[in-house]
């Protein structure tokens, strides 16, 4: 008479041995996954300025690094926080005074209304060149997994409402978190 159930032999592992082997394999897989996450390069950017010309560098660098597979965090503090503020980011200005690359001498750049004029000139150049807007770069970066962090101390100092920031911005972040993020990053930039 034949049976369909195999008969255990003395060489077969016990249930306890199989369970231990499964645990060991699961631990090895978890270790491999953890190392794979650690292998992803990290970039940390600190954005401190909120003028039109200084809003672009952290956004361009963040979106480009994310496209290359970097885990990217951008910590916005002081005037850099205006980049993440939905209303303020649409009205960032370009200072014509003290900018040696402006085609306007400082004596003329200091005249009333010159910042508004140079801002309009730059906005036209951005539009004519079909360059992404600040809002488009933020949306693209968020879609690519970039974490934008808003400095809590600056939010309190500037009396901003956390609801005024773009959806997806992490609020309530302190300097200690930003420093730890920089310490863990492969590339650290202050913009």
Protein backbone atom coordinates (compact mmCIF):
# COMPACT_ATOMS: atom_id res chain seq x y z
CA UNK A 1 0.00 0.00 0.00
CA UNK A 2 1.41 3.39 -0.98
CA UNK A 3 1.03 6.62 0.89
CA UNK A 4 1.20 10.15 -0.50
CA UNK A 5 2.74 11.54 2.65
CA UNK A 6 6.51 11.34 2.77
CA UNK A 7 7.96 9.72 5.83
CA UNK A 8 10.36 11.92 7.76
CA UNK A 9 13.87 10.68 8.02
CA UNK A 10 16.48 11.40 10.63
CA UNK A 11 18.23 13.75 8.15
CA UNK A 12 15.18 16.02 7.69
CA UNK A 13 15.25 19.30 9.65
CA UNK A 14 12.79 19.75 12.48
CA UNK A 15 10.13 22.46 12.51
CA UNK A 16 12.24 24.46 14.96
CA UNK A 17 15.28 24.22 12.68
CA UNK A 18 13.18 25.32 9.67
CA UNK A 19 11.74 28.24 11.63
CA UNK A 20 15.25 29.29 12.69
CA UNK A 21 16.44 29.07 9.06
CA UNK A 22 13.48 31.19 7.87
CA UNK A 23 14.30 33.82 10.54
CA UNK A 24 17.93 33.84 9.45
CA UNK A 25 16.97 34.32 5.79
CA UNK A 26 14.53 37.10 6.67
CA UNK A 27 17.26 38.87 8.66
CA UNK A 28 19.64 38.57 5.70
CA UNK A 29 17.02 40.03 3.33
CA UNK A 30 16.34 42.91 5.73
CA UNK A 31 20.08 43.58 5.96
CA UNK A 32 20.42 43.61 2.17
CA UNK A 33 17.47 46.00 1.84
CA UNK A 34 18.92 48.28 4.53
CA UNK A 35 22.27 48.36 2.76
CA UNK A 36 20.55 49.08 -0.54
CA UNK A 37 18.82 52.09 1.04
CA UNK A 38 22.14 53.28 2.46
CA UNK A 39 23.72 53.03 -0.98
CA UNK A 40 21.35 55.69 -2.36
CA UNK A 41 23.34 58.91 -2.47
CA UNK A 42 21.97 61.79 -0.42
CA UNK A 43 22.05 65.54 -0.99
CA UNK A 44 21.18 68.18 1.57
CA UNK A 45 20.61 71.79 0.51
CA UNK A 46 20.06 74.78 2.78
CA UNK A 47 18.15 77.61 1.07
CA UNK A 48 18.53 80.95 2.85
CA UNK A 49 17.66 83.56 0.24
CA UNK A 50 14.26 84.35 -1.22
CA UNK A 51 15.00 86.58 -4.19
CA UNK A 52 13.94 85.52 -7.67
CA UNK A 53 17.49 84.80 -8.79
CA UNK A 54 18.28 82.81 -5.63
CA UNK A 55 15.10 80.71 -5.73
CA UNK A 56 16.21 78.86 -8.85
CA UNK A 57 19.56 77.34 -7.75
CA UNK A 58 18.23 75.12 -4.91
CA UNK A 59 15.23 74.05 -7.00
CA UNK A 60 17.27 73.23 -10.10
CA UNK A 61 19.90 71.37 -8.07
CA UNK A 62 17.28 69.45 -6.08
CA UNK A 63 15.25 68.33 -9.09
CA UNK A 64 18.37 67.39 -11.07
CA UNK A 65 19.86 65.40 -8.17
CA UNK A 66 16.53 63.59 -7.69
CA UNK A 67 16.51 62.73 -11.41
CA UNK A 68 19.95 61.15 -10.91
CA UNK A 69 18.64 59.02 -8.04
CA UNK A 70 19.68 61.12 -5.07
CA UNK A 71 17.58 61.33 -1.94
CA UNK A 72 17.25 65.12 -1.64
CA UNK A 73 16.26 67.35 1.26
CA UNK A 74 16.06 71.14 0.98
CA UNK A 75 15.83 73.01 4.30
CA UNK A 76 14.42 76.53 3.80
CA UNK A 77 15.18 79.11 6.45
CA UNK A 78 14.81 82.89 6.77
CA UNK A 79 14.08 84.51 3.39
CA UNK A 80 14.52 81.15 1.66
CA UNK A 81 11.20 80.19 3.26
CA UNK A 82 9.44 82.56 0.82
CA UNK A 83 10.25 80.07 -1.98
CA UNK A 84 7.86 77.56 -0.34
CA UNK A 85 5.16 80.11 0.48
CA UNK A 86 2.50 79.85 -2.24
CA UNK A 87 1.69 83.56 -2.41
CA UNK A 88 5.13 85.00 -1.74
CA UNK A 89 6.84 82.67 -4.23
CA UNK A 90 4.79 84.21 -7.04
CA UNK A 91 6.13 87.69 -6.21
CA UNK A 92 9.84 87.14 -5.58
CA UNK A 93 11.91 90.16 -6.53
CA UNK A 94 15.33 90.58 -8.07
CA UNK A 95 17.64 93.08 -6.41
CA UNK A 96 19.50 95.22 -8.88
CA UNK A 97 21.78 96.81 -6.26
CA UNK A 98 25.00 95.00 -5.40
CA UNK A 99 24.66 92.47 -8.19
CA UNK A 100 27.81 92.90 -10.29
CA UNK A 101 26.33 90.95 -13.21
CA UNK A 102 23.35 93.23 -13.63
CA UNK A 103 23.54 95.36 -16.75
CA UNK A 104 22.69 98.39 -14.62
CA UNK A 105 25.30 100.43 -12.71
CA UNK A 106 24.72 100.55 -8.93
CA UNK A 107 24.13 104.32 -9.02
CA UNK A 108 21.17 103.78 -11.36
CA UNK A 109 20.11 100.47 -9.73
CA UNK A 110 19.57 102.34 -6.44
CA UNK A 111 16.89 104.57 -7.98
CA UNK A 112 13.31 103.94 -6.85
CA UNK A 113 11.52 101.35 -8.97
CA UNK A 114 14.67 99.72 -10.38
CA UNK A 115 14.17 96.44 -8.50
CA UNK A 116 10.69 96.22 -9.97
CA UNK A 117 12.05 96.93 -13.45
CA UNK A 118 14.89 94.38 -13.21
CA UNK A 119 12.44 91.80 -11.80
CA UNK A 120 10.13 92.34 -14.79
CA UNK A 121 13.11 92.03 -17.15
CA UNK A 122 14.08 88.69 -15.57
CA UNK A 123 10.50 87.41 -15.57
CA UNK A 124 10.25 88.22 -19.28
CA UNK A 125 13.53 86.43 -19.94
CA UNK A 126 12.25 83.39 -18.00
CA UNK A 127 9.02 83.41 -20.00
CA UNK A 128 10.72 83.98 -23.38
CA UNK A 129 13.17 81.17 -22.67
CA UNK A 130 10.31 78.84 -21.61
CA UNK A 131 12.09 78.26 -18.30
CA UNK A 132 10.10 76.48 -15.61
CA UNK A 133 8.46 78.71 -13.02
CA UNK A 134 9.20 78.42 -9.32
CA UNK A 135 5.85 76.65 -8.82
CA UNK A 136 6.58 74.19 -11.65
CA UNK A 137 10.01 73.38 -10.22
CA UNK A 138 8.54 72.83 -6.75
CA UNK A 139 5.80 70.55 -8.13
CA UNK A 140 8.29 68.59 -10.25
CA UNK A 141 10.69 68.22 -7.33
CA UNK A 142 7.93 67.02 -4.99
CA UNK A 143 6.79 64.51 -7.62
CA UNK A 144 10.37 63.23 -7.79
CA UNK A 145 10.52 62.71 -4.02
CA UNK A 146 12.43 65.83 -2.95
CA UNK A 147 11.63 66.75 0.63
CA UNK A 148 11.17 70.48 1.14
CA UNK A 149 11.48 71.42 4.81
CA UNK A 150 10.28 74.69 6.33
CA UNK A 151 12.25 75.95 9.34
CA UNK A 152 9.89 76.15 12.32
CA UNK A 153 11.79 79.00 13.98
CA UNK A 154 11.48 81.07 10.79
CA UNK A 155 7.78 80.21 10.44
CA UNK A 156 7.27 81.56 13.97
CA UNK A 157 9.54 84.56 13.42
CA UNK A 158 7.84 85.60 10.18
CA UNK A 159 4.40 84.77 11.63
CA UNK A 160 3.57 82.51 8.67
CA UNK A 161 0.64 80.13 8.68
CA UNK A 162 1.72 76.57 7.84
CA UNK A 163 -1.30 76.28 5.51
CA UNK A 164 0.23 78.96 3.26
CA UNK A 165 2.97 76.62 2.02
CA UNK A 166 2.73 74.39 -1.02
CA UNK A 167 1.10 71.02 -0.42
CA UNK A 168 3.78 68.46 0.33
CA UNK A 169 6.12 70.83 2.21
CA UNK A 170 7.26 69.46 5.57
CA UNK A 171 6.69 72.09 8.25
CA UNK A 172 7.87 72.20 11.84
CA UNK A 173 11.45 71.20 11.07
CA UNK A 174 14.16 72.43 13.41
CA UNK A 175 17.81 73.22 12.84
CA UNK A 176 18.87 70.04 14.66
CA UNK A 177 17.05 67.96 12.04
CA UNK A 178 18.71 69.95 9.24
CA UNK A 179 22.15 69.44 10.79
CA UNK A 180 21.60 65.70 11.16
CA UNK A 181 20.39 65.55 7.56
CA UNK A 182 23.57 67.34 6.42
CA UNK A 183 25.73 65.00 8.49
CA UNK A 184 24.12 62.00 6.79
CA UNK A 185 24.34 63.46 3.26
CA UNK A 186 27.00 62.78 0.67
CA UNK A 187 26.67 66.33 -0.68
CA UNK A 188 25.85 69.42 1.42
CA UNK A 189 25.13 72.79 -0.17
CA UNK A 190 24.35 76.19 1.32
CA UNK A 191 22.53 78.39 -1.18
